[in-house]
Each structure stands twice: as structure tokens, then as C-alpha cells.
Amino acid sequence: MAESECTIYRKLKERETRAHAAWTSFLYRNEVKPKLSEKAKRKHQKEEMEEYQQAHKARLAHAKICPACSK
């Protein structure tokens, strides 16, 4: 499917992109920060991943029901 001109779709896509960037930046960060415990790392990674999944699902759900996006 080509990129839609629907404003709602674009906003959802931007939300998904930001969530994905936040999740992957946590996974691959090279910054010097205090080390998190393993439990805190897993919790933070899970939260970031869930936010990305929710954004992705919202965009896909919108694309299914929006007449402009389903073309």
C-alpha cells in the first residue's frame, strides 16, 4: 500500500515511528549512563516494545476502516 494522504494515518504513522525509535534507541544506546539492573532493563524494554506494538496496531486498524487509506 502506498503512503496515504489521510491525516489520521500520517499522525498514527508518526506515533509508530517515534515509538519504534524510542524502543530501538534503548536497545542500541551508546550513551554513558548509570547501569540499570537486569530487571529494570527488561521492564523498560518491555514498556517501550508495548508502546510500539500499540502504535502499530492502531495504525493498521485505522488503515482497515478508513476509506482513503484502504484504496
C-alpha atoms as a PDB file:
ATOM      1  CA  MET A   1       0.000   0.000   0.000  1.00  0.00           C
ATOM      2  CA  ALA A   2       1.340   3.453  -0.900  1.00  0.00           C
ATOM      3  CA  GLU A   3       1.600   6.142   1.736  1.00  0.00           C
ATOM      4  CA  SER A   4      -1.846   7.527   2.435  1.00  0.00           C
ATOM      5  CA  GLU A   5      -2.789  11.191   2.295  1.00  0.00           C
ATOM      6  CA  CYS A   6      -5.085  10.691   5.307  1.00  0.00           C
ATOM      7  CA  THR A   7      -4.051  12.993   8.179  1.00  0.00           C
ATOM      8  CA  ILE A   8      -5.060  10.489  10.854  1.00  0.00           C
ATOM      9  CA  TYR A   9      -2.972   7.807   9.163  1.00  0.00           C
ATOM     10  CA  ARG A  10       0.047  10.140   8.998  1.00  0.00           C
ATOM     11  CA  LYS A  11      -0.302  11.012  12.696  1.00  0.00           C
ATOM     12  CA  LEU A  12      -0.542   7.341  13.634  1.00  0.00           C
ATOM     13  CA  LYS A  13       2.469   6.537  11.433  1.00  0.00           C
ATOM     14  CA  GLU A  14       4.486   9.311  13.112  1.00  0.00           C
ATOM     15  CA  ARG A  15       3.480   7.969  16.549  1.00  0.00           C
ATOM     16  CA  GLU A  16       4.575   4.487  15.485  1.00  0.00           C
ATOM     17  CA  THR A  17       7.880   5.812  14.145  1.00  0.00           C
ATOM     18  CA  ARG A  18       8.606   7.730  17.371  1.00  0.00           C
ATOM     19  CA  ALA A  19       7.758   4.692  19.493  1.00  0.00           C
ATOM     20  CA  HIS A  20       9.972   2.463  17.348  1.00  0.00           C
ATOM     21  CA  ALA A  21      12.840   4.957  17.592  1.00  0.00           C
ATOM     22  CA  ALA A  22      12.494   5.126  21.378  1.00  0.00           C
ATOM     23  CA  TRP A  23      12.441   1.347  21.647  1.00  0.00           C
ATOM     24  CA  THR A  24      15.434   0.768  19.390  1.00  0.00           C
ATOM     25  CA  SER A  25      17.425   3.647  20.881  1.00  0.00           C
ATOM     26  CA  PHE A  26      17.100   1.932  24.238  1.00  0.00           C
ATOM     27  CA  LEU A  27      18.271  -1.348  22.752  1.00  0.00           C
ATOM     28  CA  TYR A  28      21.279   0.138  20.998  1.00  0.00           C
ATOM     29  CA  ARG A  29      22.173   3.164  23.085  1.00  0.00           C
ATOM     30  CA  ASN A  30      25.842   4.013  23.443  1.00  0.00           C
ATOM     31  CA  GLU A  31      25.391   6.801  25.945  1.00  0.00           C
ATOM     32  CA  VAL A  32      27.242   6.760  29.223  1.00  0.00           C
ATOM     33  CA  LYS A  33      24.536   6.382  31.818  1.00  0.00           C
ATOM     34  CA  PRO A  34      24.347   4.546  35.121  1.00  0.00           C
ATOM     35  CA  LYS A  35      23.835   0.857  34.537  1.00  0.00           C
ATOM     36  CA  LEU A  36      20.317  -0.382  35.105  1.00  0.00           C
ATOM     37  CA  SER A  37      19.693  -3.628  36.868  1.00  0.00           C
ATOM     38  CA  GLU A  38      18.695  -6.545  34.648  1.00  0.00           C
ATOM     39  CA  LYS A  39      15.145  -6.395  35.979  1.00  0.00           C
ATOM     40  CA  ALA A  40      14.881  -2.658  35.245  1.00  0.00           C
ATOM     41  CA  LYS A  41      16.302  -3.189  31.741  1.00  0.00           C
ATOM     42  CA  ARG A  42      13.735  -5.863  30.954  1.00  0.00           C
ATOM     43  CA  LYS A  43      10.886  -3.763  32.351  1.00  0.00           C
ATOM     44  CA  HIS A  44      11.926  -0.677  30.390  1.00  0.00           C
ATOM     45  CA  GLN A  45      12.414  -2.653  27.187  1.00  0.00           C
ATOM     46  CA  LYS A  46       9.007  -4.309  27.620  1.00  0.00           C
ATOM     47  CA  GLU A  47       7.299  -0.936  28.120  1.00  0.00           C
ATOM     48  CA  GLU A  48       8.944   0.526  25.017  1.00  0.00           C
ATOM     49  CA  MET A  49       8.080  -2.545  22.948  1.00  0.00           C
ATOM     50  CA  GLU A  50       4.444  -2.480  24.094  1.00  0.00           C
ATOM     51  CA  GLU A  51       4.130   1.212  23.188  1.00  0.00           C
ATOM     52  CA  TYR A  52       5.447   0.449  19.699  1.00  0.00           C
ATOM     53  CA  GLN A  53       3.071  -2.510  19.309  1.00  0.00           C
ATOM     54  CA  GLN A  54       0.079  -0.399  20.339  1.00  0.00           C
ATOM     55  CA  ALA A  55       1.018   2.341  17.876  1.00  0.00           C
ATOM     56  CA  HIS A  56       1.489  -0.204  15.101  1.00  0.00           C
ATOM     57  CA  LYS A  57      -1.855  -1.888  15.800  1.00  0.00           C
ATOM     58  CA  ALA A  58      -3.656   1.476  15.920  1.00  0.00           C
ATOM     59  CA  ARG A  59      -2.236   2.435  12.512  1.00  0.00           C
ATOM     60  CA  LEU A  60      -3.173  -0.913  10.971  1.00  0.00           C
ATOM     61  CA  ALA A  61      -6.678  -0.775  12.434  1.00  0.00           C
ATOM     62  CA  HIS A  62      -7.173   2.707  11.045  1.00  0.00           C
ATOM     63  CA  ALA A  63      -5.908   1.664   7.623  1.00  0.00           C
ATOM     64  CA  LYS A  64      -8.532  -1.097   7.501  1.00  0.00           C
ATOM     65  CA  ILE A  65     -11.523   1.116   8.221  1.00  0.00           C
ATOM     66  CA  CYS A  66     -10.533   4.410   6.584  1.00  0.00           C
ATOM     67  CA  PRO A  67     -11.806   4.696   3.007  1.00  0.00           C
ATOM     68  CA  ALA A  68      -8.909   6.961   1.997  1.00  0.00           C
ATOM     69  CA  CYS A  69      -6.296   4.571   3.401  1.00  0.00           C
ATOM     70  CA  SER A  70      -7.808   1.354   2.062  1.00  0.00           C
ATOM     71  CA  LYS A  71      -7.539   2.423  -1.584  1.00  0.00           C
END
